[in-house]
Amino acid sequence: MMSGDLGMHGHVVKIPELLCNRYKPEIGNPQVALNLLRAYFELNRKADGLAILGKLAARKLESMQPHIEYWNAQFTKMK
């Protein structure tokens, strides 16, 4: 997955640049949303992270619930 590869090779800034206008969390692969969440967290982009998180949570994917709770807690702590 492109977003994961970018993150693993130190190109976190590129993840939102390349994906935010293309990726639709309402229908897309949830793993991409998790990669975007990590990138937004590392880039201190709380509002963007919470927006993706809300759309991902709205899908009510049981397998994603632990991830949603984790990232919600992380973004909530962020100033």
C-alpha atoms as a PDB file:
ATOM      1  CA  MET A   1       0.000   0.000   0.000  1.00  0.00           C
ATOM      2  CA  MET A   2       1.425   3.322  -1.057  1.00  0.00           C
ATOM      3  CA  SER A   3       0.546   5.152   2.167  1.00  0.00           C
ATOM      4  CA  GLY A   4       2.224   2.512   4.330  1.00  0.00           C
ATOM      5  CA  ASP A   5       5.325   2.433   2.142  1.00  0.00           C
ATOM      6  CA  LEU A   6       5.667   6.213   2.313  1.00  0.00           C
ATOM      7  CA  GLY A   7       5.407   6.181   6.095  1.00  0.00           C
ATOM      8  CA  MET A   8       7.893   3.335   6.493  1.00  0.00           C
ATOM      9  CA  HIS A   9      10.444   5.188   4.370  1.00  0.00           C
ATOM     10  CA  GLY A  10      10.213   8.511   6.197  1.00  0.00           C
ATOM     11  CA  HIS A  11       7.956  10.364   3.783  1.00  0.00           C
ATOM     12  CA  VAL A  12       5.095  11.057   6.187  1.00  0.00           C
ATOM     13  CA  VAL A  13       4.503  14.542   4.768  1.00  0.00           C
ATOM     14  CA  LYS A  14       3.728  13.030   1.370  1.00  0.00           C
ATOM     15  CA  ILE A  15       0.911  10.819   2.679  1.00  0.00           C
ATOM     16  CA  PRO A  16      -1.698  13.589   3.127  1.00  0.00           C
ATOM     17  CA  GLU A  17      -0.404  15.448   0.061  1.00  0.00           C
ATOM     18  CA  LEU A  18      -1.005  12.444  -2.179  1.00  0.00           C
ATOM     19  CA  LEU A  19      -4.068  10.892  -0.568  1.00  0.00           C
ATOM     20  CA  CYS A  20      -6.308  13.475   1.079  1.00  0.00           C
ATOM     21  CA  ASN A  21      -8.021  14.512  -2.186  1.00  0.00           C
ATOM     22  CA  ARG A  22      -8.335  10.937  -3.471  1.00  0.00           C
ATOM     23  CA  TYR A  23      -9.124   8.763  -0.476  1.00  0.00           C
ATOM     24  CA  LYS A  24     -12.727   8.493   0.682  1.00  0.00           C
ATOM     25  CA  PRO A  25     -12.853   7.041   4.225  1.00  0.00           C
ATOM     26  CA  GLU A  26     -16.566   6.360   3.815  1.00  0.00           C
ATOM     27  CA  ILE A  27     -15.869   3.640   1.218  1.00  0.00           C
ATOM     28  CA  GLY A  28     -12.099   3.144   0.958  1.00  0.00           C
ATOM     29  CA  ASN A  29      -9.768   0.612   2.539  1.00  0.00           C
ATOM     30  CA  PRO A  30      -9.738   1.314   6.299  1.00  0.00           C
ATOM     31  CA  GLN A  31      -5.995   0.583   6.453  1.00  0.00           C
ATOM     32  CA  VAL A  32      -5.386   3.686   4.351  1.00  0.00           C
ATOM     33  CA  ALA A  33      -7.400   5.694   6.886  1.00  0.00           C
ATOM     34  CA  LEU A  34      -5.161   4.357   9.655  1.00  0.00           C
ATOM     35  CA  ASN A  35      -2.075   5.420   7.690  1.00  0.00           C
ATOM     36  CA  LEU A  36      -3.569   8.874   7.206  1.00  0.00           C
ATOM     37  CA  LEU A  37      -4.389   9.090  10.907  1.00  0.00           C
ATOM     38  CA  ARG A  38      -0.803   8.246  11.822  1.00  0.00           C
ATOM     39  CA  ALA A  39       0.493  10.838   9.365  1.00  0.00           C
ATOM     40  CA  TYR A  40      -1.862  13.539  10.636  1.00  0.00           C
ATOM     41  CA  PHE A  41      -0.835  12.727  14.195  1.00  0.00           C
ATOM     42  CA  GLU A  42       2.875  12.908  13.399  1.00  0.00           C
ATOM     43  CA  LEU A  43       2.315  16.181  11.535  1.00  0.00           C
ATOM     44  CA  ASN A  44       0.249  17.609  14.434  1.00  0.00           C
ATOM     45  CA  ARG A  45      -2.824  18.052  12.213  1.00  0.00           C
ATOM     46  CA  LYS A  46      -5.498  17.391  14.819  1.00  0.00           C
ATOM     47  CA  ALA A  47      -8.496  18.758  12.878  1.00  0.00           C
ATOM     48  CA  ASP A  48      -7.654  16.690   9.801  1.00  0.00           C
ATOM     49  CA  GLY A  49      -7.128  13.585  11.894  1.00  0.00           C
ATOM     50  CA  LEU A  50     -10.424  14.000  13.717  1.00  0.00           C
ATOM     51  CA  ALA A  51     -12.250  14.511  10.413  1.00  0.00           C
ATOM     52  CA  ILE A  52     -10.934  11.219   9.010  1.00  0.00           C
ATOM     53  CA  LEU A  53     -11.567   9.509  12.338  1.00  0.00           C
ATOM     54  CA  GLY A  54     -15.197  10.610  12.357  1.00  0.00           C
ATOM     55  CA  LYS A  55     -15.798   9.312   8.844  1.00  0.00           C
ATOM     56  CA  LEU A  56     -14.104   6.020   9.645  1.00  0.00           C
ATOM     57  CA  ALA A  57     -16.120   5.630  12.859  1.00  0.00           C
ATOM     58  CA  ALA A  58     -19.350   6.274  10.942  1.00  0.00           C
ATOM     59  CA  ARG A  59     -18.741   3.083   8.962  1.00  0.00           C
ATOM     60  CA  LYS A  60     -19.187   1.087  12.188  1.00  0.00           C
ATOM     61  CA  LEU A  61     -16.602  -1.527  11.246  1.00  0.00           C
ATOM     62  CA  GLU A  62     -16.232  -3.741  14.288  1.00  0.00           C
ATOM     63  CA  SER A  63     -12.649  -4.669  13.376  1.00  0.00           C
ATOM     64  CA  MET A  64     -11.681  -0.990  13.372  1.00  0.00           C
ATOM     65  CA  GLN A  65     -13.160  -0.122  16.757  1.00  0.00           C
ATOM     66  CA  PRO A  66      -9.927  -0.635  18.760  1.00  0.00           C
ATOM     67  CA  HIS A  67      -8.046   1.544  16.256  1.00  0.00           C
ATOM     68  CA  ILE A  68     -10.725   4.218  16.357  1.00  0.00           C
ATOM     69  CA  GLU A  69     -10.614   4.305  20.158  1.00  0.00           C
ATOM     70  CA  TYR A  70      -6.806   4.483  20.150  1.00  0.00           C
ATOM     71  CA  TRP A  71      -6.614   7.335  17.646  1.00  0.00           C
ATOM     72  CA  ASN A  72      -9.466   9.203  19.285  1.00  0.00           C
ATOM     73  CA  ALA A  73      -7.537   9.131  22.560  1.00  0.00           C
ATOM     74  CA  GLN A  74      -4.326  10.262  20.839  1.00  0.00           C
ATOM     75  CA  PHE A  75      -5.955  13.185  19.041  1.00  0.00           C
ATOM     76  CA  THR A  76      -7.911  14.168  22.152  1.00  0.00           C
ATOM     77  CA  LYS A  77      -4.628  14.495  24.087  1.00  0.00           C
ATOM     78  CA  MET A  78      -3.121  16.636  21.337  1.00  0.00           C
ATOM     79  CA  LYS A  79      -3.070  20.386  21.901  1.00  0.00           C
END
